[in-house]
Amino acid sequence: MTTVVSFRADDALVEALDQLARATHRDRPYHLRQALAQYLERQSWHVATIDEGVADADAGHLLEHTVIEAKWGLA
């Protein structure tokens, strides 16, 4: 089952989409589905990771700032 979704996009974005569609011999909907799926996957991961971090902090699993700086080579 599919649902039609409609939205407005800048002309430059649509032109870039059309160029990609021509170059890959795929239609707009194919590329829009791919882009949306990848975006949602990244954003879902990001939100889940933030939620995990907040839960860790709420549980008292915290690190000193100097430990984090050392881990990332900022010290």
N, C-alpha and C. Protein backbone atom coordinates (compact mmCIF):
# COMPACT_ATOMS: atom_id res chain seq x y z
N MET A 1 0.84 -1.18 0.00
CA MET A 1 0.00 0.00 0.00
C MET A 1 0.88 1.24 0.00
N THR A 2 0.51 2.24 -0.74
CA THR A 2 1.25 3.50 -0.79
C THR A 2 0.29 4.66 -0.57
N THR A 3 0.85 5.77 -0.16
CA THR A 3 0.10 6.99 0.06
C THR A 3 0.77 8.11 -0.72
N VAL A 4 -0.01 8.96 -1.31
CA VAL A 4 0.53 10.10 -2.03
C VAL A 4 0.86 11.19 -1.02
N VAL A 5 2.08 11.72 -1.13
CA VAL A 5 2.52 12.83 -0.29
C VAL A 5 2.93 13.95 -1.23
N SER A 6 2.49 15.14 -0.94
CA SER A 6 2.78 16.28 -1.80
C SER A 6 3.42 17.39 -0.97
N PHE A 7 4.43 18.07 -1.54
CA PHE A 7 5.05 19.20 -0.86
C PHE A 7 5.68 20.12 -1.90
N ARG A 8 5.95 21.33 -1.49
CA ARG A 8 6.58 22.31 -2.36
C ARG A 8 8.09 22.24 -2.19
N ALA A 9 8.81 22.44 -3.28
CA ALA A 9 10.28 22.44 -3.24
C ALA A 9 10.78 23.58 -4.12
N ASP A 10 11.91 24.13 -3.73
CA ASP A 10 12.53 25.19 -4.53
C ASP A 10 12.84 24.67 -5.93
N ASP A 11 12.78 25.57 -6.90
CA ASP A 11 13.05 25.20 -8.29
C ASP A 11 14.43 24.56 -8.45
N ALA A 12 15.42 25.09 -7.75
CA ALA A 12 16.78 24.55 -7.87
C ALA A 12 16.85 23.12 -7.36
N LEU A 13 16.13 22.84 -6.31
CA LEU A 13 16.11 21.48 -5.76
C LEU A 13 15.43 20.52 -6.73
N VAL A 14 14.35 20.95 -7.32
CA VAL A 14 13.64 20.11 -8.30
C VAL A 14 14.52 19.88 -9.53
N GLU A 15 15.23 20.90 -9.96
CA GLU A 15 16.13 20.74 -11.12
C GLU A 15 17.23 19.74 -10.80
N ALA A 16 17.79 19.82 -9.60
CA ALA A 16 18.83 18.86 -9.20
C ALA A 16 18.25 17.44 -9.16
N LEU A 17 17.03 17.32 -8.68
CA LEU A 17 16.36 16.01 -8.65
C LEU A 17 16.15 15.49 -10.07
N ASP A 18 15.71 16.35 -10.96
CA ASP A 18 15.50 15.95 -12.35
C ASP A 18 16.81 15.54 -13.02
N GLN A 19 17.89 16.27 -12.74
CA GLN A 19 19.19 15.90 -13.30
C GLN A 19 19.61 14.52 -12.81
N LEU A 20 19.42 14.27 -11.53
CA LEU A 20 19.76 12.97 -10.96
C LEU A 20 18.90 11.87 -11.59
N ALA A 21 17.62 12.15 -11.75
CA ALA A 21 16.71 11.17 -12.35
C ALA A 21 17.14 10.82 -13.77
N ARG A 22 17.49 11.84 -14.55
CA ARG A 22 17.94 11.59 -15.93
C ARG A 22 19.24 10.78 -15.94
N ALA A 23 20.18 11.17 -15.08
CA ALA A 23 21.50 10.51 -15.06
C ALA A 23 21.42 9.06 -14.63
N THR A 24 20.46 8.74 -13.79
CA THR A 24 20.35 7.37 -13.26
C THR A 24 19.25 6.55 -13.92
N HIS A 25 18.52 7.18 -14.83
CA HIS A 25 17.40 6.53 -15.50
C HIS A 25 16.37 6.02 -14.48
N ARG A 26 16.17 6.81 -13.44
CA ARG A 26 15.16 6.55 -12.42
C ARG A 26 14.24 7.76 -12.37
N ASP A 27 13.03 7.56 -11.87
CA ASP A 27 12.10 8.67 -11.82
C ASP A 27 12.20 9.43 -10.49
N ARG A 28 11.54 10.58 -10.45
CA ARG A 28 11.54 11.40 -9.24
C ARG A 28 11.09 10.62 -8.01
N PRO A 29 9.95 9.92 -8.10
CA PRO A 29 9.48 9.22 -6.90
C PRO A 29 10.50 8.23 -6.33
N TYR A 30 11.25 7.57 -7.21
CA TYR A 30 12.28 6.63 -6.72
C TYR A 30 13.29 7.37 -5.84
N HIS A 31 13.82 8.47 -6.35
CA HIS A 31 14.83 9.21 -5.61
C HIS A 31 14.26 9.87 -4.36
N LEU A 32 13.03 10.34 -4.44
CA LEU A 32 12.41 10.92 -3.25
C LEU A 32 12.20 9.87 -2.16
N ARG A 33 11.78 8.68 -2.55
CA ARG A 33 11.62 7.58 -1.55
C ARG A 33 12.96 7.23 -0.92
N GLN A 34 14.00 7.14 -1.75
CA GLN A 34 15.33 6.82 -1.23
C GLN A 34 15.81 7.90 -0.26
N ALA A 35 15.66 9.14 -0.67
CA ALA A 35 16.12 10.26 0.17
C ALA A 35 15.35 10.31 1.48
N LEU A 36 14.04 10.14 1.41
CA LEU A 36 13.22 10.19 2.62
C LEU A 36 13.56 9.03 3.56
N ALA A 37 13.73 7.85 3.01
CA ALA A 37 14.08 6.69 3.84
C ALA A 37 15.41 6.90 4.55
N GLN A 38 16.41 7.41 3.82
CA GLN A 38 17.72 7.65 4.43
C GLN A 38 17.65 8.75 5.48
N TYR A 39 16.91 9.80 5.20
CA TYR A 39 16.77 10.89 6.15
C TYR A 39 16.10 10.39 7.43
N LEU A 40 15.01 9.66 7.29
CA LEU A 40 14.29 9.15 8.46
C LEU A 40 15.14 8.18 9.27
N GLU A 41 15.93 7.38 8.60
CA GLU A 41 16.81 6.45 9.31
C GLU A 41 17.83 7.23 10.14
N ARG A 42 18.46 8.24 9.54
CA ARG A 42 19.46 9.05 10.28
C ARG A 42 18.82 9.79 11.44
N GLN A 43 17.69 10.41 11.20
CA GLN A 43 17.05 11.19 12.24
C GLN A 43 16.55 10.29 13.37
N SER A 44 16.02 9.12 13.03
CA SER A 44 15.56 8.17 14.06
C SER A 44 16.74 7.72 14.91
N TRP A 45 17.88 7.44 14.27
CA TRP A 45 19.08 7.05 15.01
C TRP A 45 19.50 8.19 15.95
N HIS A 46 19.48 9.40 15.43
CA HIS A 46 19.90 10.56 16.21
C HIS A 46 19.00 10.73 17.44
N VAL A 47 17.69 10.68 17.25
CA VAL A 47 16.76 10.83 18.37
C VAL A 47 16.94 9.70 19.38
N ALA A 48 17.08 8.47 18.90
CA ALA A 48 17.26 7.33 19.81
C ALA A 48 18.55 7.46 20.60
N THR A 49 19.61 7.94 19.96
CA THR A 49 20.90 8.11 20.63
C THR A 49 20.82 9.20 21.69
N ILE A 50 20.13 10.28 21.40
CA ILE A 50 19.95 11.34 22.39
C ILE A 50 19.14 10.80 23.57
N ASP A 51 18.07 10.08 23.28
CA ASP A 51 17.25 9.50 24.36
C ASP A 51 18.08 8.56 25.23
N GLU A 52 18.93 7.78 24.60
CA GLU A 52 19.81 6.87 25.34
C GLU A 52 20.77 7.65 26.24
N GLY A 53 21.34 8.72 25.71
CA GLY A 53 22.24 9.55 26.50
C GLY A 53 21.54 10.22 27.67
N VAL A 54 20.34 10.70 27.45
CA VAL A 54 19.58 11.33 28.53
C VAL A 54 19.25 10.30 29.60
N ALA A 55 18.86 9.09 29.18
CA ALA A 55 18.57 8.03 30.15
C ALA A 55 19.81 7.67 30.96
N ASP A 56 20.96 7.60 30.29
CA ASP A 56 22.22 7.34 31.01
C ASP A 56 22.51 8.45 32.02
N ALA A 57 22.32 9.69 31.60
CA ALA A 57 22.57 10.82 32.51
C ALA A 57 21.60 10.78 33.68
N ASP A 58 20.33 10.51 33.40
CA ASP A 58 19.33 10.42 34.47
C ASP A 58 19.65 9.31 35.46
N ALA A 59 20.32 8.24 34.96
CA ALA A 59 20.69 7.12 35.82
C ALA A 59 22.00 7.40 36.56
N GLY A 60 22.59 8.57 36.31
CA GLY A 60 23.80 8.94 37.01
C GLY A 60 25.08 8.48 36.35
N HIS A 61 25.00 7.99 35.12
CA HIS A 61 26.18 7.54 34.38
C HIS A 61 26.80 8.74 33.66
N LEU A 62 27.57 9.51 34.40
CA LEU A 62 28.16 10.73 33.86
C LEU A 62 29.67 10.64 33.89
N LEU A 63 30.31 11.40 32.99
CA LEU A 63 31.77 11.47 32.96
C LEU A 63 32.19 12.90 33.24
N GLU A 64 33.36 13.03 33.84
CA GLU A 64 33.93 14.35 34.05
C GLU A 64 34.28 14.97 32.70
N HIS A 65 34.17 16.26 32.60
CA HIS A 65 34.46 16.96 31.35
C HIS A 65 35.89 16.68 30.87
N THR A 66 36.82 16.61 31.80
CA THR A 66 38.22 16.36 31.42
C THR A 66 38.40 14.99 30.80
N VAL A 67 37.61 14.00 31.22
CA VAL A 67 37.68 12.65 30.65
C VAL A 67 37.20 12.69 29.20
N ILE A 68 36.15 13.43 28.94
CA ILE A 68 35.61 13.54 27.58
C ILE A 68 36.60 14.27 26.68
N GLU A 69 37.18 15.35 27.19
CA GLU A 69 38.19 16.09 26.41
C GLU A 69 39.36 15.19 26.06
N ALA A 70 39.82 14.39 27.01
CA ALA A 70 40.96 13.49 26.76
C ALA A 70 40.58 12.44 25.72
N LYS A 71 39.37 11.91 25.81
CA LYS A 71 38.93 10.89 24.85
C LYS A 71 38.94 11.43 23.42
N TRP A 72 38.54 12.67 23.24
CA TRP A 72 38.45 13.25 21.91
C TRP A 72 39.69 14.07 21.53
N GLY A 73 40.73 13.97 22.34
CA GLY A 73 41.97 14.67 22.03
C GLY A 73 41.89 16.17 22.16
N LEU A 74 41.03 16.64 23.05
CA LEU A 74 40.84 18.07 23.22
C LEU A 74 41.56 18.62 24.44
N ALA A 75 42.16 17.72 25.20
CA ALA A 75 42.82 18.15 26.44
C ALA A 75 44.23 18.64 26.14
